[in-house]
Amino acid sequence: MGDMTKRGMWIGGIAAVVVVAVIMTIVLWPRGEDEAAPRPTASRSQTPTPTPTPTPTPTGAPANTRAYEAGDLPRADVFGIHPELPVDDAPDERAVGVTAHPQSADGAPVFSDPTGEPVAWLGQEQQFGGTRLPVVELEENWARVLLVGRQAPAGQGDASQLSGWMRVADLELTPIEKSVRVDLAARTIEIVTENGDDIGNEVVATDFASGTDATPTPLGRTFIMFEDVVESLGYTRGHPIVYLGVQSPTLAGYDGQSVAVTAFHYHDVRSGPISNGCIRVAPETIEALAALAEGTPVYIS
């Protein structure tokens, strides 16, 4: 993991083909005449019987059109503790290749499941990002997204990657072609670009430092929360820090802060299991990662 910023941000801990659920209406036309078929007599009706167009079958939970306001709902930001929200239950699966972002400047409600009432509120913009989110399940009316924050701090419950449901009507959905794959055993980092049937893999690191046994790098899928240059952190040598949406599985906080965020960042010492969970990389690697969009999925295995 890494060392913490002195501006209120921290690093305790310094993851496809675009699949959008499109229901296709199939119109069945009457079969044309076969060349060998006899012509109908003049007395036979020439009016074909129309074939009805099938009605699309809705997928997933029904729409919720109720109006909500932020009110006293807890904010779904990096500081949030949300025991009502589930952790990601399929950390080894791929996201669907779409990011979600609230359409309204007021933000949008977050649900633990599509049948209940909202339990959190996601702002359109937040100081430390976390508002552009990978969609991991997409229905006609609902999208399940990965979220920043935690169900509970490490040591008090499950601090794994958080998830939640949002209404499609509240969201701007954007296809995303890129993702990041981190292989802790092979010590490689790849930026994967998927465009239709074309898949390109760019290896941007063949070694890096990661967490120790006591402070491991979190496994599974997460995403890029935001990136920032923190000049006061000398070990970064002026390179960006790329913060992720997941926090340490063993540290409740770091350096006096109430969060323990995982990140990619530069460090002079960057080989082997030596960090507090963050992934320390070379200059060219961090610059390549910092160029990716917020919400880019990251898969750590």
C-alpha atoms as a PDB file:
ATOM      1  CA  MET A   1       0.000   0.000   0.000  1.00  0.00           C
ATOM      2  CA  GLY A   2       1.750   3.230   0.261  1.00  0.00           C
ATOM      3  CA  ASP A   3       2.167   6.257   2.206  1.00  0.00           C
ATOM      4  CA  MET A   4      -0.546   8.874   2.859  1.00  0.00           C
ATOM      5  CA  THR A   5      -1.184  12.339   1.408  1.00  0.00           C
ATOM      6  CA  LYS A   6      -1.210  15.256   3.779  1.00  0.00           C
ATOM      7  CA  ARG A   7      -4.134  16.833   1.931  1.00  0.00           C
ATOM      8  CA  GLY A   8      -6.774  14.599   3.446  1.00  0.00           C
ATOM      9  CA  MET A   9      -6.195  11.734   1.025  1.00  0.00           C
ATOM     10  CA  TRP A  10      -4.399   8.610   2.032  1.00  0.00           C
ATOM     11  CA  ILE A  11      -3.179   5.420   0.700  1.00  0.00           C
ATOM     12  CA  GLY A  12      -3.540   2.530   3.107  1.00  0.00           C
ATOM     13  CA  GLY A  13      -3.566   0.106   0.323  1.00  0.00           C
ATOM     14  CA  ILE A  14      -0.764   1.808  -2.029  1.00  0.00           C
ATOM     15  CA  ALA A  15     -11.166  -5.577 -11.120  1.00  0.00           C
ATOM     16  CA  ALA A  16     -14.707  -7.342 -22.308  1.00  0.00           C
ATOM     17  CA  VAL A  17     -16.372  -6.736 -24.788  1.00  0.00           C
ATOM     18  CA  VAL A  18     -18.945  -3.968 -24.310  1.00  0.00           C
ATOM     19  CA  VAL A  19     -22.028  -5.944 -23.297  1.00  0.00           C
ATOM     20  CA  VAL A  20     -25.142  -3.768 -23.015  1.00  0.00           C
ATOM     21  CA  ALA A  21     -28.451  -5.618 -22.619  1.00  0.00           C
ATOM     22  CA  VAL A  22     -30.302  -4.844 -25.904  1.00  0.00           C
ATOM     23  CA  ILE A  23     -33.672  -6.509 -26.363  1.00  0.00           C
ATOM     24  CA  MET A  24     -34.108  -7.113 -30.121  1.00  0.00           C
ATOM     25  CA  THR A  25     -37.640  -7.055 -31.545  1.00  0.00           C
ATOM     26  CA  ILE A  26     -37.790  -9.752 -34.204  1.00  0.00           C
ATOM     27  CA  VAL A  27     -40.385  -9.154 -36.930  1.00  0.00           C
ATOM     28  CA  LEU A  28     -41.475 -12.364 -38.625  1.00  0.00           C
ATOM     29  CA  TRP A  29     -42.478 -11.723 -42.281  1.00  0.00           C
ATOM     30  CA  PRO A  30     -44.769 -14.076 -44.236  1.00  0.00           C
ATOM     31  CA  ARG A  31     -42.846 -16.578 -46.314  1.00  0.00           C
ATOM     32  CA  GLY A  32     -42.523 -15.634 -49.979  1.00  0.00           C
ATOM     33  CA  GLU A  33     -43.792 -17.817 -52.850  1.00  0.00           C
ATOM     34  CA  ASP A  34     -41.683 -20.752 -53.885  1.00  0.00           C
ATOM     35  CA  GLU A  35     -40.863 -20.817 -57.588  1.00  0.00           C
ATOM     36  CA  ALA A  36     -42.390 -24.299 -57.975  1.00  0.00           C
ATOM     37  CA  ALA A  37     -45.585 -23.478 -56.104  1.00  0.00           C
ATOM     38  CA  PRO A  38     -48.785 -23.144 -58.183  1.00  0.00           C
ATOM     39  CA  ARG A  39     -50.236 -19.681 -58.596  1.00  0.00           C
ATOM     40  CA  PRO A  40     -53.416 -19.081 -56.581  1.00  0.00           C
ATOM     41  CA  THR A  41     -56.659 -18.880 -58.550  1.00  0.00           C
ATOM     42  CA  ALA A  42     -58.394 -15.553 -58.905  1.00  0.00           C
ATOM     43  CA  SER A  43     -61.055 -16.658 -56.471  1.00  0.00           C
ATOM     44  CA  ARG A  44     -58.558 -17.255 -53.674  1.00  0.00           C
ATOM     45  CA  SER A  45     -57.939 -14.376 -51.288  1.00  0.00           C
ATOM     46  CA  GLN A  46     -54.566 -12.639 -51.806  1.00  0.00           C
ATOM     47  CA  THR A  47     -54.555 -10.879 -48.425  1.00  0.00           C
ATOM     48  CA  PRO A  48     -51.889 -12.409 -46.155  1.00  0.00           C
ATOM     49  CA  THR A  49     -52.620 -12.912 -42.495  1.00  0.00           C
ATOM     50  CA  PRO A  50     -50.388 -10.487 -40.594  1.00  0.00           C
ATOM     51  CA  THR A  51     -47.959 -11.994 -38.120  1.00  0.00           C
ATOM     52  CA  PRO A  52     -48.031 -10.102 -34.832  1.00  0.00           C
ATOM     53  CA  THR A  53     -44.780  -8.488 -33.661  1.00  0.00           C
ATOM     54  CA  PRO A  54     -43.601 -10.134 -30.431  1.00  0.00           C
ATOM     55  CA  THR A  55     -43.619  -7.929 -27.361  1.00  0.00           C
ATOM     56  CA  PRO A  56     -40.148  -7.565 -25.807  1.00  0.00           C
ATOM     57  CA  THR A  57     -39.850  -9.412 -22.534  1.00  0.00           C
ATOM     58  CA  PRO A  58     -38.582  -7.157 -19.723  1.00  0.00           C
ATOM     59  CA  THR A  59     -35.427  -8.341 -17.998  1.00  0.00           C
ATOM     60  CA  GLY A  60     -34.745  -8.106 -14.301  1.00  0.00           C
ATOM     61  CA  ALA A  61     -36.613  -6.196 -11.641  1.00  0.00           C
ATOM     62  CA  PRO A  62     -39.403  -3.760 -12.539  1.00  0.00           C
ATOM     63  CA  ALA A  63     -38.714  -0.055 -12.796  1.00  0.00           C
ATOM     64  CA  ASN A  64     -38.861   2.173  -9.735  1.00  0.00           C
ATOM     65  CA  THR A  65     -40.059   5.655 -10.764  1.00  0.00           C
ATOM     66  CA  ARG A  66     -40.351   7.197  -7.319  1.00  0.00           C
ATOM     67  CA  ALA A  67     -38.635  10.527  -6.702  1.00  0.00           C
ATOM     68  CA  TYR A  68     -35.855  10.610  -4.103  1.00  0.00           C
ATOM     69  CA  GLU A  69     -33.658  13.253  -2.544  1.00  0.00           C
ATOM     70  CA  ALA A  70     -30.314  12.880  -0.832  1.00  0.00           C
ATOM     71  CA  GLY A  71     -31.755  13.930   2.525  1.00  0.00           C
ATOM     72  CA  ASP A  72     -29.991  12.144   5.343  1.00  0.00           C
ATOM     73  CA  LEU A  73     -28.812   9.233   3.236  1.00  0.00           C
ATOM     74  CA  PRO A  74     -25.111   8.481   3.772  1.00  0.00           C
ATOM     75  CA  ARG A  75     -22.833   9.533   0.938  1.00  0.00           C
ATOM     76  CA  ALA A  76     -21.350   6.782  -1.212  1.00  0.00           C
ATOM     77  CA  ASP A  77     -17.868   8.253  -1.085  1.00  0.00           C
ATOM     78  CA  VAL A  78     -14.510   6.842  -0.056  1.00  0.00           C
ATOM     79  CA  PHE A  79     -15.161   7.582   3.617  1.00  0.00           C
ATOM     80  CA  GLY A  80     -18.545   5.862   3.626  1.00  0.00           C
ATOM     81  CA  ILE A  81     -19.405   2.901   5.827  1.00  0.00           C
ATOM     82  CA  HIS A  82     -22.457   1.135   4.413  1.00  0.00           C
ATOM     83  CA  PRO A  83     -23.410  -2.073   6.261  1.00  0.00           C
ATOM     84  CA  GLU A  84     -26.620  -2.287   4.191  1.00  0.00           C
ATOM     85  CA  LEU A  85     -24.751  -2.562   0.883  1.00  0.00           C
ATOM     86  CA  PRO A  86     -23.358  -5.913  -0.290  1.00  0.00           C
ATOM     87  CA  VAL A  87     -19.734  -6.584  -1.069  1.00  0.00           C
ATOM     88  CA  ASP A  88     -18.984  -7.761  -4.589  1.00  0.00           C
ATOM     89  CA  ASP A  89     -20.116 -11.390  -4.752  1.00  0.00           C
ATOM     90  CA  ALA A  90     -18.375 -12.270  -8.034  1.00  0.00           C
ATOM     91  CA  PRO A  91     -14.878 -10.768  -7.739  1.00  0.00           C
ATOM     92  CA  ASP A  92     -13.399 -13.047 -10.430  1.00  0.00           C
ATOM     93  CA  GLU A  93     -15.946 -12.219 -13.143  1.00  0.00           C
ATOM     94  CA  ARG A  94     -15.615  -9.584 -15.845  1.00  0.00           C
ATOM     95  CA  ALA A  95     -17.505  -6.306 -15.778  1.00  0.00           C
ATOM     96  CA  VAL A  96     -19.861  -5.691 -18.700  1.00  0.00           C
ATOM     97  CA  GLY A  97     -17.780  -3.006 -20.431  1.00  0.00           C
ATOM     98  CA  VAL A  98     -19.876   0.000 -19.431  1.00  0.00           C
ATOM     99  CA  THR A  99     -19.367   2.740 -16.862  1.00  0.00           C
ATOM    100  CA  ALA A 100     -22.172   4.530 -15.021  1.00  0.00           C
ATOM    101  CA  HIS A 101     -22.312   8.140 -13.852  1.00  0.00           C
ATOM    102  CA  PRO A 102     -25.247  10.053 -12.308  1.00  0.00           C
ATOM    103  CA  GLN A 103     -27.032  12.206 -14.888  1.00  0.00           C
ATOM    104  CA  SER A 104     -28.378  14.752 -12.417  1.00  0.00           C
ATOM    105  CA  ALA A 105     -26.192  17.346 -10.741  1.00  0.00           C
ATOM    106  CA  ASP A 106     -27.959  16.366  -7.528  1.00  0.00           C
ATOM    107  CA  GLY A 107     -26.682  12.799  -7.787  1.00  0.00           C
ATOM    108  CA  ALA A 108     -28.674   9.584  -7.579  1.00  0.00           C
ATOM    109  CA  PRO A 109     -29.868   6.999  -5.029  1.00  0.00           C
ATOM    110  CA  VAL A 110     -28.081   3.720  -4.391  1.00  0.00           C
ATOM    111  CA  PHE A 111     -29.988   0.564  -3.407  1.00  0.00           C
ATOM    112  CA  SER A 112     -28.923  -2.664  -1.746  1.00  0.00           C
ATOM    113  CA  ASP A 113     -31.332  -4.453  -4.080  1.00  0.00           C
ATOM    114  CA  PRO A 114     -33.848  -3.266  -6.689  1.00  0.00           C
ATOM    115  CA  THR A 115     -36.890  -4.141  -4.571  1.00  0.00           C
ATOM    116  CA  GLY A 116     -36.147  -1.914  -1.585  1.00  0.00           C
ATOM    117  CA  GLU A 117     -35.587   1.721  -0.735  1.00  0.00           C
ATOM    118  CA  PRO A 118     -32.282   3.589  -1.213  1.00  0.00           C
ATOM    119  CA  VAL A 119     -29.625   3.191   1.462  1.00  0.00           C
ATOM    120  CA  ALA A 120     -26.988   5.621   0.133  1.00  0.00           C
ATOM    121  CA  TRP A 121     -26.570   8.575  -2.223  1.00  0.00           C
ATOM    122  CA  LEU A 122     -23.989   8.983  -4.977  1.00  0.00           C
ATOM    123  CA  GLY A 123     -23.069  12.538  -5.905  1.00  0.00           C
ATOM    124  CA  GLN A 124     -22.455  13.500  -9.517  1.00  0.00           C
ATOM    125  CA  GLU A 125     -19.044  14.822  -8.535  1.00  0.00           C
ATOM    126  CA  GLN A 126     -17.053  14.186  -5.350  1.00  0.00           C
ATOM    127  CA  GLN A 127     -13.732  15.495  -4.103  1.00  0.00           C
ATOM    128  CA  PHE A 128     -11.960  12.167  -4.436  1.00  0.00           C
ATOM    129  CA  GLY A 129     -13.874  10.761  -7.399  1.00  0.00           C
ATOM    130  CA  GLY A 130     -15.681   7.457  -7.187  1.00  0.00           C
ATOM    131  CA  THR A 131     -18.660   8.686  -9.235  1.00  0.00           C
ATOM    132  CA  ARG A 132     -17.767   6.955 -12.510  1.00  0.00           C
ATOM    133  CA  LEU A 133     -18.305   3.301 -11.829  1.00  0.00           C
ATOM    134  CA  PRO A 134     -17.957   0.010 -13.699  1.00  0.00           C
ATOM    135  CA  VAL A 135     -21.219  -1.819 -14.304  1.00  0.00           C
ATOM    136  CA  VAL A 136     -20.969  -5.499 -13.376  1.00  0.00           C
ATOM    137  CA  GLU A 137     -24.585  -6.470 -14.072  1.00  0.00           C
ATOM    138  CA  LEU A 138     -27.001  -4.701 -16.419  1.00  0.00           C
ATOM    139  CA  GLU A 139     -30.750  -5.171 -16.621  1.00  0.00           C
ATOM    140  CA  GLU A 140     -33.465  -3.250 -18.443  1.00  0.00           C
ATOM    141  CA  ASN A 141     -34.131  -0.945 -15.479  1.00  0.00           C
ATOM    142  CA  TRP A 142     -31.242  -1.544 -13.097  1.00  0.00           C
ATOM    143  CA  ALA A 143     -27.449  -1.594 -13.088  1.00  0.00           C
ATOM    144  CA  ARG A 144     -25.278  -3.146 -10.399  1.00  0.00           C
ATOM    145  CA  VAL A 145     -22.094  -1.144  -9.984  1.00  0.00           C
ATOM    146  CA  LEU A 146     -18.913  -1.287  -7.937  1.00  0.00           C
ATOM    147  CA  LEU A 147     -18.732   1.483  -5.335  1.00  0.00           C
ATOM    148  CA  VAL A 148     -16.167   3.223  -3.185  1.00  0.00           C
ATOM    149  CA  GLY A 149     -16.501   3.009   0.591  1.00  0.00           C
ATOM    150  CA  ARG A 150     -16.777  -0.124   2.683  1.00  0.00           C
ATOM    151  CA  GLN A 151     -19.363  -2.310   4.320  1.00  0.00           C
ATOM    152  CA  ALA A 152     -17.176  -2.192   7.427  1.00  0.00           C
ATOM    153  CA  PRO A 153     -13.583  -1.264   8.277  1.00  0.00           C
ATOM    154  CA  ALA A 154     -11.066  -4.085   8.318  1.00  0.00           C
ATOM    155  CA  GLY A 155     -11.165  -5.867  11.655  1.00  0.00           C
ATOM    156  CA  GLN A 156     -14.813  -4.942  12.205  1.00  0.00           C
ATOM    157  CA  GLY A 157     -16.360  -6.753   9.248  1.00  0.00           C
ATOM    158  CA  ASP A 158     -15.856  -7.350   5.551  1.00  0.00           C
ATOM    159  CA  ALA A 159     -13.839  -4.538   3.968  1.00  0.00           C
ATOM    160  CA  SER A 160     -13.937  -6.021   0.445  1.00  0.00           C
ATOM    161  CA  GLN A 161     -14.983  -4.187  -2.703  1.00  0.00           C
ATOM    162  CA  LEU A 162     -18.442  -2.702  -2.238  1.00  0.00           C
ATOM    163  CA  SER A 163     -21.305  -2.921  -4.753  1.00  0.00           C
ATOM    164  CA  GLY A 164     -24.834  -1.617  -5.113  1.00  0.00           C
ATOM    165  CA  TRP A 165     -27.781  -1.180  -7.477  1.00  0.00           C
ATOM    166  CA  MET A 166     -28.754   2.002  -9.298  1.00  0.00           C
ATOM    167  CA  ARG A 167     -31.635   2.859 -11.623  1.00  0.00           C
ATOM    168  CA  VAL A 168     -30.694   2.982 -15.304  1.00  0.00           C
ATOM    169  CA  ALA A 169     -32.914   6.049 -15.692  1.00  0.00           C
ATOM    170  CA  ASP A 170     -30.655   7.923 -13.247  1.00  0.00           C
ATOM    171  CA  LEU A 171     -27.445   7.081 -15.082  1.00  0.00           C
ATOM    172  CA  GLU A 172     -25.350   8.034 -18.035  1.00  0.00           C
ATOM    173  CA  LEU A 173     -24.007   4.745 -19.381  1.00  0.00           C
ATOM    174  CA  THR A 174     -20.806   4.889 -21.402  1.00  0.00           C
ATOM    175  CA  PRO A 175     -18.996   2.010 -23.139  1.00  0.00           C
ATOM    176  CA  ILE A 176     -15.419   1.526 -21.968  1.00  0.00           C
ATOM    177  CA  GLU A 177     -12.870  -0.465 -23.949  1.00  0.00           C
ATOM    178  CA  LYS A 178      -9.941  -0.576 -21.547  1.00  0.00           C
ATOM    179  CA  SER A 179      -9.257  -2.506 -18.376  1.00  0.00           C
ATOM    180  CA  VAL A 180      -6.210  -3.344 -16.251  1.00  0.00           C
ATOM    181  CA  ARG A 181      -5.040  -6.825 -15.284  1.00  0.00           C
ATOM    182  CA  VAL A 182      -2.588  -7.262 -12.426  1.00  0.00           C
ATOM    183  CA  ASP A 183      -1.013 -10.687 -11.901  1.00  0.00           C
ATOM    184  CA  LEU A 184       0.716 -10.816  -8.521  1.00  0.00           C
ATOM    185  CA  ALA A 185       2.342 -14.184  -9.223  1.00  0.00           C
ATOM    186  CA  ALA A 186       3.714 -13.291 -12.654  1.00  0.00           C
ATOM    187  CA  ARG A 187       4.497  -9.703 -11.538  1.00  0.00           C
ATOM    188  CA  THR A 188       2.878  -8.264 -14.654  1.00  0.00           C
ATOM    189  CA  ILE A 189       0.453  -5.430 -15.327  1.00  0.00           C
ATOM    190  CA  GLU A 190      -1.422  -5.308 -18.626  1.00  0.00           C
ATOM    191  CA  ILE A 191      -3.706  -2.687 -20.130  1.00  0.00           C
ATOM    192  CA  VAL A 192      -6.291  -4.572 -22.171  1.00  0.00           C
ATOM    193  CA  THR A 193      -8.217  -2.906 -24.997  1.00  0.00           C
ATOM    194  CA  GLU A 194     -11.342  -4.677 -26.267  1.00  0.00           C
ATOM    195  CA  ASN A 195     -13.079  -3.357 -29.370  1.00  0.00           C
ATOM    196  CA  GLY A 196     -15.522  -5.830 -30.811  1.00  0.00           C
ATOM    197  CA  ASP A 197     -13.612  -8.973 -31.681  1.00  0.00           C
ATOM    198  CA  ASP A 198     -10.288  -7.160 -31.448  1.00  0.00           C
ATOM    199  CA  ILE A 199      -8.444  -7.548 -28.153  1.00  0.00           C
ATOM    200  CA  GLY A 200      -5.094  -5.920 -27.536  1.00  0.00           C
ATOM    201  CA  ASN A 201      -2.845  -6.466 -24.546  1.00  0.00           C
ATOM    202  CA  GLU A 202      -0.161  -3.946 -23.645  1.00  0.00           C
ATOM    203  CA  VAL A 203       2.218  -5.140 -20.950  1.00  0.00           C
ATOM    204  CA  VAL A 204       3.157  -2.019 -18.986  1.00  0.00           C
ATOM    205  CA  ALA A 205       5.041  -3.705 -16.115  1.00  0.00           C
ATOM    206  CA  THR A 206       7.058  -6.889 -15.716  1.00  0.00           C
ATOM    207  CA  ASP A 207       7.838  -6.297 -12.051  1.00  0.00           C
ATOM    208  CA  PHE A 208       6.398  -4.243  -9.208  1.00  0.00           C
ATOM    209  CA  ALA A 209       6.095  -4.180  -5.435  1.00  0.00           C
ATOM    210  CA  SER A 210       2.917  -5.322  -3.706  1.00  0.00           C
ATOM    211  CA  GLY A 211       1.587  -6.012  -0.231  1.00  0.00           C
ATOM    212  CA  THR A 212       3.056  -8.272   2.411  1.00  0.00           C
ATOM    213  CA  ASP A 213       1.304 -11.242   3.983  1.00  0.00           C
ATOM    214  CA  ALA A 214       0.197  -9.019   6.858  1.00  0.00           C
ATOM    215  CA  THR A 215      -0.945  -6.162   4.610  1.00  0.00           C
ATOM    216  CA  PRO A 216      -1.857  -7.843   1.322  1.00  0.00           C
ATOM    217  CA  THR A 217      -2.889  -6.207  -1.914  1.00  0.00           C
ATOM    218  CA  PRO A 218      -6.656  -6.796  -2.259  1.00  0.00           C
ATOM    219  CA  LEU A 219      -7.654  -9.409  -4.821  1.00  0.00           C
ATOM    220  CA  GLY A 220     -10.580  -9.370  -7.231  1.00  0.00           C
ATOM    221  CA  ARG A 221     -12.132  -6.654  -9.353  1.00  0.00           C
ATOM    222  CA  THR A 222     -12.096  -2.974  -8.526  1.00  0.00           C
ATOM    223  CA  PHE A 223     -11.678   0.217 -10.563  1.00  0.00           C
ATOM    224  CA  ILE A 224      -9.814   3.493 -10.908  1.00  0.00           C
ATOM    225  CA  MET A 225     -11.360   5.950  -8.460  1.00  0.00           C
ATOM    226  CA  PHE A 226      -9.283   8.986  -9.482  1.00  0.00           C
ATOM    227  CA  GLU A 227      -5.706  10.092 -10.032  1.00  0.00           C
ATOM    228  CA  ASP A 228      -3.796  12.979  -8.517  1.00  0.00           C
ATOM    229  CA  VAL A 229      -0.291  14.405  -8.283  1.00  0.00           C
ATOM    230  CA  VAL A 230       0.712  14.948  -4.652  1.00  0.00           C
ATOM    231  CA  GLU A 231       3.925  16.937  -4.635  1.00  0.00           C
ATOM    232  CA  SER A 232       4.266  16.662  -0.859  1.00  0.00           C
ATOM    233  CA  LEU A 233       4.782  12.909  -1.141  1.00  0.00           C
ATOM    234  CA  GLY A 234       8.419  12.834  -2.133  1.00  0.00           C
ATOM    235  CA  TYR A 235       8.517   9.115  -2.845  1.00  0.00           C
ATOM    236  CA  THR A 236       6.250   9.643  -5.884  1.00  0.00           C
ATOM    237  CA  ARG A 237       8.909  11.897  -7.491  1.00  0.00           C
ATOM    238  CA  GLY A 238       6.124  14.061  -8.934  1.00  0.00           C
ATOM    239  CA  HIS A 239       4.367  11.172 -10.675  1.00  0.00           C
ATOM    240  CA  PRO A 240       0.598  10.695 -10.347  1.00  0.00           C
ATOM    241  CA  ILE A 241      -1.030   8.433  -7.804  1.00  0.00           C
ATOM    242  CA  VAL A 242      -3.819   6.278  -9.253  1.00  0.00           C
ATOM    243  CA  TYR A 243      -6.275   5.551  -6.449  1.00  0.00           C
ATOM    244  CA  LEU A 244      -8.485   2.464  -6.590  1.00  0.00           C
ATOM    245  CA  GLY A 245     -12.000   1.857  -5.298  1.00  0.00           C
ATOM    246  CA  VAL A 246     -10.952  -0.905  -2.888  1.00  0.00           C
ATOM    247  CA  GLN A 247      -9.362  -0.613   0.551  1.00  0.00           C
ATOM    248  CA  SER A 248      -7.071  -2.776   2.651  1.00  0.00           C
ATOM    249  CA  PRO A 249      -8.440  -6.102   3.898  1.00  0.00           C
ATOM    250  CA  THR A 250      -6.350  -5.808   7.091  1.00  0.00           C
ATOM    251  CA  LEU A 251      -5.913  -2.094   7.823  1.00  0.00           C
ATOM    252  CA  ALA A 252      -8.904  -0.104   9.077  1.00  0.00           C
ATOM    253  CA  GLY A 253      -7.053   3.156   8.462  1.00  0.00           C
ATOM    254  CA  TYR A 254      -3.596   4.444   7.716  1.00  0.00           C
ATOM    255  CA  ASP A 255      -1.348   7.196   9.054  1.00  0.00           C
ATOM    256  CA  GLY A 256      -4.055   8.528  11.361  1.00  0.00           C
ATOM    257  CA  GLN A 257      -6.708   8.556   8.634  1.00  0.00           C
ATOM    258  CA  SER A 258      -9.997   6.648   8.714  1.00  0.00           C
ATOM    259  CA  VAL A 259      -9.422   5.034   5.310  1.00  0.00           C
ATOM    260  CA  ALA A 260      -6.843   2.650   3.887  1.00  0.00           C
ATOM    261  CA  VAL A 261      -7.091   3.060   0.123  1.00  0.00           C
ATOM    262  CA  THR A 262      -5.150   0.926  -2.330  1.00  0.00           C
ATOM    263  CA  ALA A 263      -3.365   2.621  -5.236  1.00  0.00           C
ATOM    264  CA  PHE A 264      -0.802   2.387  -7.989  1.00  0.00           C
ATOM    265  CA  HIS A 265       2.095   4.784  -7.459  1.00  0.00           C
ATOM    266  CA  TYR A 266       5.752   5.306  -8.281  1.00  0.00           C
ATOM    267  CA  HIS A 267       8.431   4.360  -5.767  1.00  0.00           C
ATOM    268  CA  ASP A 268      12.203   3.985  -6.002  1.00  0.00           C
ATOM    269  CA  VAL A 269      11.899   0.604  -4.226  1.00  0.00           C
ATOM    270  CA  ARG A 270       9.426  -1.356  -6.304  1.00  0.00           C
ATOM    271  CA  SER A 271      10.004  -5.083  -6.294  1.00  0.00           C
ATOM    272  CA  GLY A 272       8.648  -7.901  -4.130  1.00  0.00           C
ATOM    273  CA  PRO A 273       6.010  -8.139  -1.390  1.00  0.00           C
ATOM    274  CA  ILE A 274       7.066  -5.099   0.655  1.00  0.00           C
ATOM    275  CA  SER A 275       4.209  -2.568   0.681  1.00  0.00           C
ATOM    276  CA  ASN A 276       1.162  -1.953   2.833  1.00  0.00           C
ATOM    277  CA  GLY A 277      -0.948  -3.158  -0.084  1.00  0.00           C
ATOM    278  CA  CYS A 278      -0.344  -0.563  -2.764  1.00  0.00           C
ATOM    279  CA  ILE A 279       1.326  -1.466  -6.038  1.00  0.00           C
ATOM    280  CA  ARG A 280       4.618   0.384  -6.565  1.00  0.00           C
ATOM    281  CA  VAL A 281       5.597   0.763 -10.198  1.00  0.00           C
ATOM    282  CA  ALA A 282       8.109   2.336 -12.576  1.00  0.00           C
ATOM    283  CA  PRO A 283       7.659   5.831 -14.077  1.00  0.00           C
ATOM    284  CA  GLU A 284       6.418   4.663 -17.480  1.00  0.00           C
ATOM    285  CA  THR A 285       3.919   2.315 -15.835  1.00  0.00           C
ATOM    286  CA  ILE A 286       2.313   4.913 -13.608  1.00  0.00           C
ATOM    287  CA  GLU A 287       2.060   7.384 -16.469  1.00  0.00           C
ATOM    288  CA  ALA A 288       0.269   4.782 -18.615  1.00  0.00           C
ATOM    289  CA  LEU A 289      -2.144   3.924 -15.799  1.00  0.00           C
ATOM    290  CA  ALA A 290      -2.812   7.576 -14.991  1.00  0.00           C
ATOM    291  CA  ALA A 291      -3.944   8.141 -18.589  1.00  0.00           C
ATOM    292  CA  LEU A 292      -6.888   5.752 -18.131  1.00  0.00           C
ATOM    293  CA  ALA A 293     -10.394   7.018 -17.416  1.00  0.00           C
ATOM    294  CA  GLU A 294     -12.020   7.015 -14.001  1.00  0.00           C
ATOM    295  CA  GLY A 295     -14.168   3.917 -13.684  1.00  0.00           C
ATOM    296  CA  THR A 296     -11.736   1.740 -15.660  1.00  0.00           C
ATOM    297  CA  PRO A 297     -12.048  -1.815 -14.297  1.00  0.00           C
ATOM    298  CA  VAL A 298      -8.980  -3.276 -12.568  1.00  0.00           C
ATOM    299  CA  TYR A 299      -8.619  -7.037 -12.017  1.00  0.00           C
ATOM    300  CA  ILE A 300      -6.070  -8.203  -9.447  1.00  0.00           C
ATOM    301  CA  SER A 301      -5.281 -11.919  -9.273  1.00  0.00           C
END
